[in-house]
Amino acid sequence: CWPESRRARDRCYAEVRASHDRHNP
């Protein structure tokens, strides 16, 4: 459960950071 929860959080964090990437359309 804990690793699964962390993976879900980390994927979401990556999506948020990607939304601010200067190369993002």
mmCIF file of all heavy atoms, coordinates in Angstrom:
data_MODEL
# 
_entry.id   MODEL 
# 
loop_
_atom_site.group_PDB 
_atom_site.id 
_atom_site.type_symbol 
_atom_site.label_atom_id 
_atom_site.label_alt_id 
_atom_site.label_comp_id 
_atom_site.label_asym_id 
_atom_site.label_entity_id 
_atom_site.label_seq_id 
_atom_site.pdbx_PDB_ins_code 
_atom_site.Cartn_x 
_atom_site.Cartn_y 
_atom_site.Cartn_z 
_atom_site.occupancy 
_atom_site.B_iso_or_equiv 
_atom_site.pdbx_formal_charge 
_atom_site.auth_seq_id 
_atom_site.auth_comp_id 
_atom_site.auth_asym_id 
_atom_site.auth_atom_id 
_atom_site.pdbx_PDB_model_num 
ATOM 1   N N   . CYS A 1 1  ? 0.805  -1.225 0.000   1.00 0.00 ? 1  CYS A N   1 
ATOM 2   C CA  . CYS A 1 1  ? 0.000  0.000  0.000   1.00 0.00 ? 1  CYS A CA  1 
ATOM 3   C C   . CYS A 1 1  ? 0.838  1.274  0.000   1.00 0.00 ? 1  CYS A C   1 
ATOM 4   O O   . CYS A 1 1  ? 0.562  2.189  -0.776  1.00 0.00 ? 1  CYS A O   1 
ATOM 5   C CB  . CYS A 1 1  ? -0.954 -0.003 1.191   1.00 0.00 ? 1  CYS A CB  1 
ATOM 6   S SG  . CYS A 1 1  ? -2.171 -1.338 1.104   1.00 0.00 ? 1  CYS A SG  1 
ATOM 7   N N   . TRP A 1 2  ? 1.835  1.358  0.886   1.00 0.00 ? 2  TRP A N   1 
ATOM 8   C CA  . TRP A 1 2  ? 2.631  2.578  0.945   1.00 0.00 ? 2  TRP A CA  1 
ATOM 9   C C   . TRP A 1 2  ? 3.400  2.814  -0.353  1.00 0.00 ? 2  TRP A C   1 
ATOM 10  O O   . TRP A 1 2  ? 3.350  3.920  -0.902  1.00 0.00 ? 2  TRP A O   1 
ATOM 11  C CB  . TRP A 1 2  ? 3.582  2.553  2.144   1.00 0.00 ? 2  TRP A CB  1 
ATOM 12  C CG  . TRP A 1 2  ? 2.870  2.744  3.442   1.00 0.00 ? 2  TRP A CG  1 
ATOM 13  C CD1 . TRP A 1 2  ? 2.583  1.791  4.358   1.00 0.00 ? 2  TRP A CD1 1 
ATOM 14  C CD2 . TRP A 1 2  ? 2.329  3.970  3.942   1.00 0.00 ? 2  TRP A CD2 1 
ATOM 15  N NE1 . TRP A 1 2  ? 1.885  2.329  5.411   1.00 0.00 ? 2  TRP A NE1 1 
ATOM 16  C CE2 . TRP A 1 2  ? 1.720  3.679  5.182   1.00 0.00 ? 2  TRP A CE2 1 
ATOM 17  C CE3 . TRP A 1 2  ? 2.288  5.269  3.478   1.00 0.00 ? 2  TRP A CE3 1 
ATOM 18  C CZ2 . TRP A 1 2  ? 1.104  4.648  5.961   1.00 0.00 ? 2  TRP A CZ2 1 
ATOM 19  C CZ3 . TRP A 1 2  ? 1.667  6.236  4.265   1.00 0.00 ? 2  TRP A CZ3 1 
ATOM 20  C CH2 . TRP A 1 2  ? 1.086  5.917  5.479   1.00 0.00 ? 2  TRP A CH2 1 
ATOM 21  N N   . PRO A 1 3  ? 4.116  1.802  -0.865  1.00 0.00 ? 3  PRO A N   1 
ATOM 22  C CA  . PRO A 1 3  ? 4.815  2.035  -2.141  1.00 0.00 ? 3  PRO A CA  1 
ATOM 23  C C   . PRO A 1 3  ? 3.865  2.375  -3.291  1.00 0.00 ? 3  PRO A C   1 
ATOM 24  O O   . PRO A 1 3  ? 4.181  3.224  -4.129  1.00 0.00 ? 3  PRO A O   1 
ATOM 25  C CB  . PRO A 1 3  ? 5.536  0.707  -2.403  1.00 0.00 ? 3  PRO A CB  1 
ATOM 26  C CG  . PRO A 1 3  ? 5.657  0.058  -1.074  1.00 0.00 ? 3  PRO A CG  1 
ATOM 27  C CD  . PRO A 1 3  ? 4.454  0.501  -0.306  1.00 0.00 ? 3  PRO A CD  1 
ATOM 28  N N   . GLU A 1 4  ? 2.706  1.746  -3.307  1.00 0.00 ? 4  GLU A N   1 
ATOM 29  C CA  . GLU A 1 4  ? 1.716  2.030  -4.363  1.00 0.00 ? 4  GLU A CA  1 
ATOM 30  C C   . GLU A 1 4  ? 1.233  3.483  -4.264  1.00 0.00 ? 4  GLU A C   1 
ATOM 31  O O   . GLU A 1 4  ? 1.118  4.191  -5.272  1.00 0.00 ? 4  GLU A O   1 
ATOM 32  C CB  . GLU A 1 4  ? 0.540  1.066  -4.227  1.00 0.00 ? 4  GLU A CB  1 
ATOM 33  C CG  . GLU A 1 4  ? -0.491 1.178  -5.312  1.00 0.00 ? 4  GLU A CG  1 
ATOM 34  C CD  . GLU A 1 4  ? -1.626 0.173  -5.129  1.00 0.00 ? 4  GLU A CD  1 
ATOM 35  O OE1 . GLU A 1 4  ? -1.373 -0.927 -4.611  1.00 0.00 ? 4  GLU A OE1 1 
ATOM 36  O OE2 . GLU A 1 4  ? -2.763 0.527  -5.513  1.00 0.00 ? 4  GLU A OE2 1 
ATOM 37  N N   . SER A 1 5  ? 0.982  3.934  -3.045  1.00 0.00 ? 5  SER A N   1 
ATOM 38  C CA  . SER A 1 5  ? 0.544  5.305  -2.823  1.00 0.00 ? 5  SER A CA  1 
ATOM 39  C C   . SER A 1 5  ? 1.635  6.303  -3.243  1.00 0.00 ? 5  SER A C   1 
ATOM 40  O O   . SER A 1 5  ? 1.351  7.317  -3.886  1.00 0.00 ? 5  SER A O   1 
ATOM 41  C CB  . SER A 1 5  ? 0.188  5.501  -1.348  1.00 0.00 ? 5  SER A CB  1 
ATOM 42  O OG  . SER A 1 5  ? -0.154 6.828  -1.083  1.00 0.00 ? 5  SER A OG  1 
ATOM 43  N N   . ARG A 1 6  ? 2.874  5.995  -2.878  1.00 0.00 ? 6  ARG A N   1 
ATOM 44  C CA  . ARG A 1 6  ? 3.996  6.873  -3.259  1.00 0.00 ? 6  ARG A CA  1 
ATOM 45  C C   . ARG A 1 6  ? 4.171  6.930  -4.780  1.00 0.00 ? 6  ARG A C   1 
ATOM 46  O O   . ARG A 1 6  ? 4.462  7.993  -5.334  1.00 0.00 ? 6  ARG A O   1 
ATOM 47  C CB  . ARG A 1 6  ? 5.290  6.398  -2.607  1.00 0.00 ? 6  ARG A CB  1 
ATOM 48  C CG  . ARG A 1 6  ? 5.362  6.750  -1.155  1.00 0.00 ? 6  ARG A CG  1 
ATOM 49  C CD  . ARG A 1 6  ? 6.766  6.483  -0.612  1.00 0.00 ? 6  ARG A CD  1 
ATOM 50  N NE  . ARG A 1 6  ? 6.697  6.433  0.826   1.00 0.00 ? 6  ARG A NE  1 
ATOM 51  C CZ  . ARG A 1 6  ? 6.735  5.322  1.557   1.00 0.00 ? 6  ARG A CZ  1 
ATOM 52  N NH1 . ARG A 1 6  ? 6.893  4.145  0.980   1.00 0.00 ? 6  ARG A NH1 1 
ATOM 53  N NH2 . ARG A 1 6  ? 6.635  5.371  2.865   1.00 0.00 ? 6  ARG A NH2 1 
ATOM 54  N N   . ARG A 1 7  ? 4.015  5.791  -5.456  1.00 0.00 ? 7  ARG A N   1 
ATOM 55  C CA  . ARG A 1 7  ? 4.140  5.789  -6.918  1.00 0.00 ? 7  ARG A CA  1 
ATOM 56  C C   . ARG A 1 7  ? 3.068  6.664  -7.552  1.00 0.00 ? 7  ARG A C   1 
ATOM 57  O O   . ARG A 1 7  ? 3.341  7.424  -8.483  1.00 0.00 ? 7  ARG A O   1 
ATOM 58  C CB  . ARG A 1 7  ? 4.056  4.359  -7.469  1.00 0.00 ? 7  ARG A CB  1 
ATOM 59  C CG  . ARG A 1 7  ? 5.357  3.607  -7.398  1.00 0.00 ? 7  ARG A CG  1 
ATOM 60  C CD  . ARG A 1 7  ? 5.299  2.323  -8.207  1.00 0.00 ? 7  ARG A CD  1 
ATOM 61  N NE  . ARG A 1 7  ? 4.248  1.421  -7.783  1.00 0.00 ? 7  ARG A NE  1 
ATOM 62  C CZ  . ARG A 1 7  ? 4.342  0.530  -6.801  1.00 0.00 ? 7  ARG A CZ  1 
ATOM 63  N NH1 . ARG A 1 7  ? 5.479  0.413  -6.125  1.00 0.00 ? 7  ARG A NH1 1 
ATOM 64  N NH2 . ARG A 1 7  ? 3.331  -0.246 -6.493  1.00 0.00 ? 7  ARG A NH2 1 
ATOM 65  N N   . ALA A 1 8  ? 1.829  6.565  -7.044  1.00 0.00 ? 8  ALA A N   1 
ATOM 66  C CA  . ALA A 1 8  ? 0.738  7.395  -7.574  1.00 0.00 ? 8  ALA A CA  1 
ATOM 67  C C   . ALA A 1 8  ? 1.046  8.875  -7.354  1.00 0.00 ? 8  ALA A C   1 
ATOM 68  O O   . ALA A 1 8  ? 0.869  9.703  -8.250  1.00 0.00 ? 8  ALA A O   1 
ATOM 69  C CB  . ALA A 1 8  ? -0.589 7.023  -6.912  1.00 0.00 ? 8  ALA A CB  1 
ATOM 70  N N   . ARG A 1 9  ? 1.537  9.201  -6.153  1.00 0.00 ? 9  ARG A N   1 
ATOM 71  C CA  . ARG A 1 9  ? 1.897  10.593 -5.850  1.00 0.00 ? 9  ARG A CA  1 
ATOM 72  C C   . ARG A 1 9  ? 3.030  11.075 -6.747  1.00 0.00 ? 9  ARG A C   1 
ATOM 73  O O   . ARG A 1 9  ? 2.974  12.170 -7.305  1.00 0.00 ? 9  ARG A O   1 
ATOM 74  C CB  . ARG A 1 9  ? 2.308  10.716 -4.388  1.00 0.00 ? 9  ARG A CB  1 
ATOM 75  C CG  . ARG A 1 9  ? 2.665  12.148 -3.996  1.00 0.00 ? 9  ARG A CG  1 
ATOM 76  C CD  . ARG A 1 9  ? 3.559  12.217 -2.786  1.00 0.00 ? 9  ARG A CD  1 
ATOM 77  N NE  . ARG A 1 9  ? 4.803  11.515 -3.043  1.00 0.00 ? 9  ARG A NE  1 
ATOM 78  C CZ  . ARG A 1 9  ? 5.620  11.094 -2.088  1.00 0.00 ? 9  ARG A CZ  1 
ATOM 79  N NH1 . ARG A 1 9  ? 5.326  11.271 -0.832  1.00 0.00 ? 9  ARG A NH1 1 
ATOM 80  N NH2 . ARG A 1 9  ? 6.751  10.473 -2.394  1.00 0.00 ? 9  ARG A NH2 1 
ATOM 81  N N   . ASP A 1 10 ? 4.059  10.265 -6.909  1.00 0.00 ? 10 ASP A N   1 
ATOM 82  C CA  . ASP A 1 10 ? 5.215  10.660 -7.721  1.00 0.00 ? 10 ASP A CA  1 
ATOM 83  C C   . ASP A 1 10 ? 4.843  10.840 -9.188  1.00 0.00 ? 10 ASP A C   1 
ATOM 84  O O   . ASP A 1 10 ? 5.342  11.754 -9.845  1.00 0.00 ? 10 ASP A O   1 
ATOM 85  C CB  . ASP A 1 10 ? 6.346  9.646  -7.571  1.00 0.00 ? 10 ASP A CB  1 
ATOM 86  C CG  . ASP A 1 10 ? 6.961  9.659  -6.179  1.00 0.00 ? 10 ASP A CG  1 
ATOM 87  O OD1 . ASP A 1 10 ? 6.729  10.642 -5.431  1.00 0.00 ? 10 ASP A OD1 1 
ATOM 88  O OD2 . ASP A 1 10 ? 7.664  8.685  -5.831  1.00 0.00 ? 10 ASP A OD2 1 
ATOM 89  N N   . ARG A 1 11 ? 3.953  9.988  -9.720  1.00 0.00 ? 11 ARG A N   1 
ATOM 90  C CA  . ARG A 1 11 ? 3.482  10.166 -11.100 1.00 0.00 ? 11 ARG A CA  1 
ATOM 91  C C   . ARG A 1 11 ? 2.741  11.486 -11.240 1.00 0.00 ? 11 ARG A C   1 
ATOM 92  O O   . ARG A 1 11 ? 2.923  12.226 -12.206 1.00 0.00 ? 11 ARG A O   1 
ATOM 93  C CB  . ARG A 1 11 ? 2.562  9.009  -11.520 1.00 0.00 ? 11 ARG A CB  1 
ATOM 94  C CG  . ARG A 1 11 ? 3.282  7.770  -11.993 1.00 0.00 ? 11 ARG A CG  1 
ATOM 95  C CD  . ARG A 1 11 ? 2.330  6.778  -12.636 1.00 0.00 ? 11 ARG A CD  1 
ATOM 96  N NE  . ARG A 1 11 ? 1.182  6.441  -11.815 1.00 0.00 ? 11 ARG A NE  1 
ATOM 97  C CZ  . ARG A 1 11 ? 1.132  5.451  -10.934 1.00 0.00 ? 11 ARG A CZ  1 
ATOM 98  N NH1 . ARG A 1 11 ? 2.183  4.671  -10.747 1.00 0.00 ? 11 ARG A NH1 1 
ATOM 99  N NH2 . ARG A 1 11 ? 0.041  5.226  -10.232 1.00 0.00 ? 11 ARG A NH2 1 
ATOM 100 N N   . CYS A 1 12 ? 1.905  11.797 -10.266 1.00 0.00 ? 12 CYS A N   1 
ATOM 101 C CA  . CYS A 1 12 ? 1.147  13.049 -10.283 1.00 0.00 ? 12 CYS A CA  1 
ATOM 102 C C   . CYS A 1 12 ? 2.094  14.240 -10.187 1.00 0.00 ? 12 CYS A C   1 
ATOM 103 O O   . CYS A 1 12 ? 1.942  15.223 -10.916 1.00 0.00 ? 12 CYS A O   1 
ATOM 104 C CB  . CYS A 1 12 ? 0.136  13.053 -9.145  1.00 0.00 ? 12 CYS A CB  1 
ATOM 105 S SG  . CYS A 1 12 ? -0.932 14.489 -9.110  1.00 0.00 ? 12 CYS A SG  1 
ATOM 106 N N   . TYR A 1 13 ? 3.094  14.165 -9.308  1.00 0.00 ? 13 TYR A N   1 
ATOM 107 C CA  . TYR A 1 13 ? 4.085  15.239 -9.191  1.00 0.00 ? 13 TYR A CA  1 
ATOM 108 C C   . TYR A 1 13 ? 4.784  15.470 -10.530 1.00 0.00 ? 13 TYR A C   1 
ATOM 109 O O   . TYR A 1 13 ? 5.004  16.603 -10.942 1.00 0.00 ? 13 TYR A O   1 
ATOM 110 C CB  . TYR A 1 13 ? 5.146  14.888 -8.149  1.00 0.00 ? 13 TYR A CB  1 
ATOM 111 C CG  . TYR A 1 13 ? 4.784  15.151 -6.708  1.00 0.00 ? 13 TYR A CG  1 
ATOM 112 C CD1 . TYR A 1 13 ? 3.512  15.545 -6.320  1.00 0.00 ? 13 TYR A CD1 1 
ATOM 113 C CD2 . TYR A 1 13 ? 5.738  14.988 -5.710  1.00 0.00 ? 13 TYR A CD2 1 
ATOM 114 C CE1 . TYR A 1 13 ? 3.195  15.768 -4.999  1.00 0.00 ? 13 TYR A CE1 1 
ATOM 115 C CE2 . TYR A 1 13 ? 5.437  15.211 -4.384  1.00 0.00 ? 13 TYR A CE2 1 
ATOM 116 C CZ  . TYR A 1 13 ? 4.164  15.607 -4.030  1.00 0.00 ? 13 TYR A CZ  1 
ATOM 117 O OH  . TYR A 1 13 ? 3.877  15.838 -2.721  1.00 0.00 ? 13 TYR A OH  1 
ATOM 118 N N   . ALA A 1 14 ? 5.152  14.379 -11.196 1.00 0.00 ? 14 ALA A N   1 
ATOM 119 C CA  . ALA A 1 14 ? 5.838  14.492 -12.487 1.00 0.00 ? 14 ALA A CA  1 
ATOM 120 C C   . ALA A 1 14 ? 4.948  15.185 -13.514 1.00 0.00 ? 14 ALA A C   1 
ATOM 121 O O   . ALA A 1 14 ? 5.417  16.000 -14.314 1.00 0.00 ? 14 ALA A O   1 
ATOM 122 C CB  . ALA A 1 14 ? 6.252  13.115 -12.979 1.00 0.00 ? 14 ALA A CB  1 
ATOM 123 N N   . GLU A 1 15 ? 3.642  14.884 -13.488 1.00 0.00 ? 15 GLU A N   1 
ATOM 124 C CA  . GLU A 1 15 ? 2.709  15.534 -14.413 1.00 0.00 ? 15 GLU A CA  1 
ATOM 125 C C   . GLU A 1 15 ? 2.602  17.032 -14.136 1.00 0.00 ? 15 GLU A C   1 
ATOM 126 O O   . GLU A 1 15 ? 2.548  17.843 -15.061 1.00 0.00 ? 15 GLU A O   1 
ATOM 127 C CB  . GLU A 1 15 ? 1.334  14.880 -14.329 1.00 0.00 ? 15 GLU A CB  1 
ATOM 128 C CG  . GLU A 1 15 ? 1.292  13.486 -14.905 1.00 0.00 ? 15 GLU A CG  1 
ATOM 129 C CD  . GLU A 1 15 ? -0.038 12.789 -14.653 1.00 0.00 ? 15 GLU A CD  1 
ATOM 130 O OE1 . GLU A 1 15 ? -1.000 13.449 -14.192 1.00 0.00 ? 15 GLU A OE1 1 
ATOM 131 O OE2 . GLU A 1 15 ? -0.107 11.573 -14.909 1.00 0.00 ? 15 GLU A OE2 1 
ATOM 132 N N   . VAL A 1 16 ? 2.580  17.399 -12.853 1.00 0.00 ? 16 VAL A N   1 
ATOM 133 C CA  . VAL A 1 16 ? 2.506  18.819 -12.492 1.00 0.00 ? 16 VAL A CA  1 
ATOM 134 C C   . VAL A 1 16 ? 3.769  19.540 -12.963 1.00 0.00 ? 16 VAL A C   1 
ATOM 135 O O   . VAL A 1 16 ? 3.698  20.609 -13.574 1.00 0.00 ? 16 VAL A O   1 
ATOM 136 C CB  . VAL A 1 16 ? 2.310  19.005 -10.969 1.00 0.00 ? 16 VAL A CB  1 
ATOM 137 C CG1 . VAL A 1 16 ? 2.477  20.464 -10.558 1.00 0.00 ? 16 VAL A CG1 1 
ATOM 138 C CG2 . VAL A 1 16 ? 0.940  18.495 -10.553 1.00 0.00 ? 16 VAL A CG2 1 
ATOM 139 N N   . ARG A 1 17 ? 4.934  18.942 -12.702 1.00 0.00 ? 17 ARG A N   1 
ATOM 140 C CA  . ARG A 1 17 ? 6.188  19.565 -13.142 1.00 0.00 ? 17 ARG A CA  1 
ATOM 141 C C   . ARG A 1 17 ? 6.250  19.658 -14.665 1.00 0.00 ? 17 ARG A C   1 
ATOM 142 O O   . ARG A 1 17 ? 6.698  20.664 -15.213 1.00 0.00 ? 17 ARG A O   1 
ATOM 143 C CB  . ARG A 1 17 ? 7.388  18.792 -12.598 1.00 0.00 ? 17 ARG A CB  1 
ATOM 144 C CG  . ARG A 1 17 ? 7.650  19.060 -11.126 1.00 0.00 ? 17 ARG A CG  1 
ATOM 145 C CD  . ARG A 1 17 ? 8.969  18.470 -10.680 1.00 0.00 ? 17 ARG A CD  1 
ATOM 146 N NE  . ARG A 1 17 ? 9.069  17.031 -10.872 1.00 0.00 ? 17 ARG A NE  1 
ATOM 147 C CZ  . ARG A 1 17 ? 8.651  16.117 -9.996  1.00 0.00 ? 17 ARG A CZ  1 
ATOM 148 N NH1 . ARG A 1 17 ? 8.102  16.489 -8.872  1.00 0.00 ? 17 ARG A NH1 1 
ATOM 149 N NH2 . ARG A 1 17 ? 8.774  14.830 -10.257 1.00 0.00 ? 17 ARG A NH2 1 
ATOM 150 N N   . ALA A 1 18 ? 5.782  18.626 -15.353 1.00 0.00 ? 18 ALA A N   1 
ATOM 151 C CA  . ALA A 1 18 ? 5.795  18.633 -16.822 1.00 0.00 ? 18 ALA A CA  1 
ATOM 152 C C   . ALA A 1 18 ? 4.894  19.729 -17.377 1.00 0.00 ? 18 ALA A C   1 
ATOM 153 O O   . ALA A 1 18 ? 5.171  20.286 -18.432 1.00 0.00 ? 18 ALA A O   1 
ATOM 154 C CB  . ALA A 1 18 ? 5.372  17.275 -17.359 1.00 0.00 ? 18 ALA A CB  1 
ATOM 155 N N   . SER A 1 19 ? 3.826  20.049 -16.659 1.00 0.00 ? 19 SER A N   1 
ATOM 156 C CA  . SER A 1 19 ? 2.922  21.090 -17.138 1.00 0.00 ? 19 SER A CA  1 
ATOM 157 C C   . SER A 1 19 ? 3.588  22.471 -17.122 1.00 0.00 ? 19 SER A C   1 
ATOM 158 O O   . SER A 1 19 ? 3.111  23.395 -17.764 1.00 0.00 ? 19 SER A O   1 
ATOM 159 C CB  . SER A 1 19 ? 1.638  21.122 -16.317 1.00 0.00 ? 19 SER A CB  1 
ATOM 160 O OG  . SER A 1 19 ? 1.859  21.664 -15.030 1.00 0.00 ? 19 SER A OG  1 
ATOM 161 N N   . HIS A 1 20 ? 4.701  22.601 -16.380 1.00 0.00 ? 20 HIS A N   1 
ATOM 162 C CA  . HIS A 1 20 ? 5.436  23.867 -16.315 1.00 0.00 ? 20 HIS A CA  1 
ATOM 163 C C   . HIS A 1 20 ? 6.720  23.833 -17.131 1.00 0.00 ? 20 HIS A C   1 
ATOM 164 O O   . HIS A 1 20 ? 7.474  24.801 -17.119 1.00 0.00 ? 20 HIS A O   1 
ATOM 165 C CB  . HIS A 1 20 ? 5.762  24.217 -14.857 1.00 0.00 ? 20 HIS A CB  1 
ATOM 166 C CG  . HIS A 1 20 ? 4.567  24.669 -14.103 1.00 0.00 ? 20 HIS A CG  1 
ATOM 167 N ND1 . HIS A 1 20 ? 4.194  25.984 -14.035 1.00 0.00 ? 20 HIS A ND1 1 
ATOM 168 C CD2 . HIS A 1 20 ? 3.633  23.976 -13.410 1.00 0.00 ? 20 HIS A CD2 1 
ATOM 169 C CE1 . HIS A 1 20 ? 3.095  26.080 -13.317 1.00 0.00 ? 20 HIS A CE1 1 
ATOM 170 N NE2 . HIS A 1 20 ? 2.738  24.887 -12.932 1.00 0.00 ? 20 HIS A NE2 1 
ATOM 171 N N   . ASP A 1 21 ? 6.964  22.738 -17.811 1.00 0.00 ? 21 ASP A N   1 
ATOM 172 C CA  . ASP A 1 21 ? 8.173  22.603 -18.624 1.00 0.00 ? 21 ASP A CA  1 
ATOM 173 C C   . ASP A 1 21 ? 8.143  23.612 -19.755 1.00 0.00 ? 21 ASP A C   1 
ATOM 174 O O   . ASP A 1 21 ? 7.129  23.788 -20.429 1.00 0.00 ? 21 ASP A O   1 
ATOM 175 C CB  . ASP A 1 21 ? 8.256  21.182 -19.186 1.00 0.00 ? 21 ASP A CB  1 
ATOM 176 C CG  . ASP A 1 21 ? 9.509  20.938 -19.989 1.00 0.00 ? 21 ASP A CG  1 
ATOM 177 O OD1 . ASP A 1 21 ? 10.431 21.771 -19.939 1.00 0.00 ? 21 ASP A OD1 1 
ATOM 178 O OD2 . ASP A 1 21 ? 9.564  19.903 -20.676 1.00 0.00 ? 21 ASP A OD2 1 
ATOM 179 N N   . ARG A 1 22 ? 9.249  24.280 -19.981 1.00 0.00 ? 22 ARG A N   1 
ATOM 180 C CA  . ARG A 1 22 ? 9.284  25.323 -21.007 1.00 0.00 ? 22 ARG A CA  1 
ATOM 181 C C   . ARG A 1 22 ? 9.097  24.759 -22.404 1.00 0.00 ? 22 ARG A C   1 
ATOM 182 O O   . ARG A 1 22 ? 8.779  25.483 -23.327 1.00 0.00 ? 22 ARG A O   1 
ATOM 183 C CB  . ARG A 1 22 ? 10.555 26.145 -20.894 1.00 0.00 ? 22 ARG A CB  1 
ATOM 184 C CG  . ARG A 1 22 ? 11.814 25.406 -21.279 1.00 0.00 ? 22 ARG A CG  1 
ATOM 185 C CD  . ARG A 1 22 ? 13.062 26.211 -21.136 1.00 0.00 ? 22 ARG A CD  1 
ATOM 186 N NE  . ARG A 1 22 ? 12.844 27.607 -21.384 1.00 0.00 ? 22 ARG A NE  1 
ATOM 187 C CZ  . ARG A 1 22 ? 13.670 28.567 -21.073 1.00 0.00 ? 22 ARG A CZ  1 
ATOM 188 N NH1 . ARG A 1 22 ? 14.794 28.259 -20.488 1.00 0.00 ? 22 ARG A NH1 1 
ATOM 189 N NH2 . ARG A 1 22 ? 13.426 29.815 -21.334 1.00 0.00 ? 22 ARG A NH2 1 
ATOM 190 N N   . HIS A 1 23 ? 9.289  23.449 -22.598 1.00 0.00 ? 23 HIS A N   1 
ATOM 191 C CA  . HIS A 1 23 ? 9.103  22.830 -23.908 1.00 0.00 ? 23 HIS A CA  1 
ATOM 192 C C   . HIS A 1 23 ? 7.700  22.228 -24.056 1.00 0.00 ? 23 HIS A C   1 
ATOM 193 O O   . HIS A 1 23 ? 7.378  21.666 -25.099 1.00 0.00 ? 23 HIS A O   1 
ATOM 194 C CB  . HIS A 1 23 ? 10.164 21.765 -24.153 1.00 0.00 ? 23 HIS A CB  1 
ATOM 195 C CG  . HIS A 1 23 ? 11.556 22.329 -24.116 1.00 0.00 ? 23 HIS A CG  1 
ATOM 196 N ND1 . HIS A 1 23 ? 12.001 23.249 -25.036 1.00 0.00 ? 23 HIS A ND1 1 
ATOM 197 C CD2 . HIS A 1 23 ? 12.569 22.147 -23.245 1.00 0.00 ? 23 HIS A CD2 1 
ATOM 198 C CE1 . HIS A 1 23 ? 13.242 23.585 -24.751 1.00 0.00 ? 23 HIS A CE1 1 
ATOM 199 N NE2 . HIS A 1 23 ? 13.611 22.941 -23.657 1.00 0.00 ? 23 HIS A NE2 1 
ATOM 200 N N   . ASN A 1 24 ? 6.892  22.350 -23.024 1.00 0.00 ? 24 ASN A N   1 
ATOM 201 C CA  . ASN A 1 24 ? 5.516  21.873 -23.071 1.00 0.00 ? 24 ASN A CA  1 
ATOM 202 C C   . ASN A 1 24 ? 4.730  22.762 -24.041 1.00 0.00 ? 24 ASN A C   1 
ATOM 203 O O   . ASN A 1 24 ? 4.802  23.989 -23.956 1.00 0.00 ? 24 ASN A O   1 
ATOM 204 C CB  . ASN A 1 24 ? 4.915  21.955 -21.653 1.00 0.00 ? 24 ASN A CB  1 
ATOM 205 C CG  . ASN A 1 24 ? 3.497  21.461 -21.578 1.00 0.00 ? 24 ASN A CG  1 
ATOM 206 O OD1 . ASN A 1 24 ? 2.699  21.660 -22.481 1.00 0.00 ? 24 ASN A OD1 1 
ATOM 207 N ND2 . ASN A 1 24 ? 3.187  20.808 -20.477 1.00 0.00 ? 24 ASN A ND2 1 
ATOM 208 N N   . PRO A 1 25 ? 3.972  22.177 -24.967 1.00 0.00 ? 25 PRO A N   1 
ATOM 209 C CA  . PRO A 1 25 ? 3.228  22.994 -25.940 1.00 0.00 ? 25 PRO A CA  1 
ATOM 210 C C   . PRO A 1 25 ? 2.293  24.013 -25.288 1.00 0.00 ? 25 PRO A C   1 
ATOM 211 O O   . PRO A 1 25 ? 2.162  25.133 -25.761 1.00 0.00 ? 25 PRO A O   1 
ATOM 212 C CB  . PRO A 1 25 ? 2.438  21.967 -26.745 1.00 0.00 ? 25 PRO A CB  1 
ATOM 213 C CG  . PRO A 1 25 ? 3.177  20.687 -26.585 1.00 0.00 ? 25 PRO A CG  1 
ATOM 214 C CD  . PRO A 1 25 ? 3.810  20.745 -25.227 1.00 0.00 ? 25 PRO A CD  1 
# 
